[in-house]
C-alpha atoms as a PDB file:
ATOM      1  CA  MET A   1      58.968 -15.532  63.179  1.00  0.00           C
ATOM      2  CA  LEU A   2      56.862 -16.311  66.199  1.00  0.00           C
ATOM      3  CA  SER A   3      55.810 -19.852  66.984  1.00  0.00           C
ATOM      4  CA  PRO A   4      52.159 -20.817  66.507  1.00  0.00           C
ATOM      5  CA  GLU A   5      51.854 -21.190  70.286  1.00  0.00           C
ATOM      6  CA  THR A   6      53.179 -17.686  70.912  1.00  0.00           C
ATOM      7  CA  LEU A   7      50.842 -16.237  68.290  1.00  0.00           C
ATOM      8  CA  ALA A   8      47.872 -18.067  69.788  1.00  0.00           C
ATOM      9  CA  ALA A   9      48.740 -16.795  73.265  1.00  0.00           C
ATOM     10  CA  TYR A  10      49.110 -13.248  71.958  1.00  0.00           C
ATOM     11  CA  ARG A  11      45.764 -13.410  70.148  1.00  0.00           C
ATOM     12  CA  ALA A  12      44.091 -14.667  73.321  1.00  0.00           C
ATOM     13  CA  MET A  13      45.258 -11.602  75.280  1.00  0.00           C
ATOM     14  CA  THR A  14      43.037  -8.660  75.954  1.00  0.00           C
ATOM     15  CA  PRO A  15      44.017  -5.268  74.520  1.00  0.00           C
ATOM     16  CA  GLU A  16      44.972  -4.209  78.040  1.00  0.00           C
ATOM     17  CA  GLU A  17      47.355  -7.163  78.408  1.00  0.00           C
ATOM     18  CA  ARG A  18      48.998  -6.388  75.063  1.00  0.00           C
ATOM     19  CA  LEU A  19      49.326  -2.723  76.002  1.00  0.00           C
ATOM     20  CA  LYS A  20      50.970  -3.669  79.295  1.00  0.00           C
ATOM     21  CA  ILE A  21      53.561  -5.744  77.421  1.00  0.00           C
ATOM     22  CA  THR A  22      54.152  -2.846  75.033  1.00  0.00           C
ATOM     23  CA  PHE A  23      54.793  -0.440  77.906  1.00  0.00           C
ATOM     24  CA  GLU A  24      57.143  -2.917  79.599  1.00  0.00           C
ATOM     25  CA  LEU A  25      59.145  -3.348  76.407  1.00  0.00           C
ATOM     26  CA  MET A  26      59.278   0.414  75.879  1.00  0.00           C
ATOM     27  CA  ASP A  27      60.515   0.904  79.433  1.00  0.00           C
ATOM     28  CA  GLN A  28      63.260  -1.693  78.966  1.00  0.00           C
ATOM     29  CA  SER A  29      64.388  -0.362  75.592  1.00  0.00           C
ATOM     30  CA  SER A  30      64.321   3.313  76.586  1.00  0.00           C
ATOM     31  CA  LYS A  31      67.002   2.643  79.198  1.00  0.00           C
ATOM     32  CA  TRP A  32      69.270   1.319  76.458  1.00  0.00           C
ATOM     33  CA  LEU A  33      68.326   3.989  73.927  1.00  0.00           C
ATOM     34  CA  LEU A  34      69.009   6.859  76.318  1.00  0.00           C
ATOM     35  CA  HIS A  35      72.272   5.427  77.681  1.00  0.00           C
ATOM     36  CA  GLY A  36      75.469   7.104  76.490  1.00  0.00           C
ATOM     37  CA  THR A  37      76.683  10.494  75.385  1.00  0.00           C
ATOM     38  CA  PRO A  38      74.293  12.802  73.515  1.00  0.00           C
ATOM     39  CA  GLU A  39      76.132  11.891  70.304  1.00  0.00           C
ATOM     40  CA  GLN A  40      75.696   8.168  70.936  1.00  0.00           C
ATOM     41  CA  VAL A  41      72.010   8.595  71.718  1.00  0.00           C
ATOM     42  CA  ASP A  42      71.568  10.674  68.562  1.00  0.00           C
ATOM     43  CA  ARG A  43      73.259   7.967  66.472  1.00  0.00           C
ATOM     44  CA  LYS A  44      70.985   5.288  67.962  1.00  0.00           C
ATOM     45  CA  PHE A  45      67.852   7.244  67.064  1.00  0.00           C
ATOM     46  CA  LYS A  46      69.158   8.050  63.585  1.00  0.00           C
ATOM     47  CA  ARG A  47      69.848   4.353  63.024  1.00  0.00           C
ATOM     48  CA  LEU A  48      66.343   3.432  64.195  1.00  0.00           C
ATOM     49  CA  GLU A  49      64.869   6.045  61.877  1.00  0.00           C
ATOM     50  CA  MET A  50      66.924   4.678  58.983  1.00  0.00           C
ATOM     51  CA  GLN A  51      65.755   1.112  59.734  1.00  0.00           C
ATOM     52  CA  ASN A  52      62.139   2.275  59.910  1.00  0.00           C
ATOM     53  CA  ASP A  53      62.490   4.131  56.594  1.00  0.00           C
ATOM     54  CA  GLU A  54      64.003   1.028  54.956  1.00  0.00           C
ATOM     55  CA  ARG A  55      61.225  -1.189  56.317  1.00  0.00           C
ATOM     56  CA  ASN A  56      58.538   1.250  55.171  1.00  0.00           C
ATOM     57  CA  GLN A  57      60.107   1.434  51.712  1.00  0.00           C
ATOM     58  CA  ARG A  58      60.108  -2.359  51.394  1.00  0.00           C
ATOM     59  CA  MET A  59      56.449  -2.513  52.463  1.00  0.00           C
ATOM     60  CA  LEU A  60      55.515   0.165  49.916  1.00  0.00           C
ATOM     61  CA  GLU A  61      57.386  -1.688  47.181  1.00  0.00           C
ATOM     62  CA  ALA A  62      55.662  -4.968  48.089  1.00  0.00           C
ATOM     63  CA  PHE A  63      52.280  -3.226  48.104  1.00  0.00           C
ATOM     64  CA  ALA A  64      52.951  -1.624  44.723  1.00  0.00           C
ATOM     65  CA  PHE A  65      54.070  -4.996  43.347  1.00  0.00           C
ATOM     66  CA  SER A  66      50.933  -6.705  44.651  1.00  0.00           C
ATOM     67  CA  MET A  67      48.764  -4.022  43.052  1.00  0.00           C
ATOM     68  CA  ARG A  68      50.507  -4.524  39.675  1.00  0.00           C
ATOM     69  CA  ALA A  69      50.178  -8.305  39.958  1.00  0.00           C
ATOM     70  CA  LYS A  70      46.413  -8.166  40.524  1.00  0.00           C
ATOM     71  CA  PRO A  71      44.384  -9.007  37.458  1.00  0.00           C
ATOM     72  CA  SER A  72      42.201  -6.082  36.456  1.00  0.00           C
ATOM     73  CA  LYS A  73      38.444  -6.530  36.583  1.00  0.00           C
END
């Protein structure tokens, strides 16, 4: 979880500033992701895909739960 100060600073940024940070982080992480044998790189991307699928599934389950919990009008 980010601190309130970090969140406030992030919200105060312009879209261009946030995009610049995104590109910097992508540049740093791509060096790590692409380092190793083709098999190692493939495993890293498969693991990321698995983590993304798990995260998406949890979000869908939470959304479905929140829709069931809503009182009908």
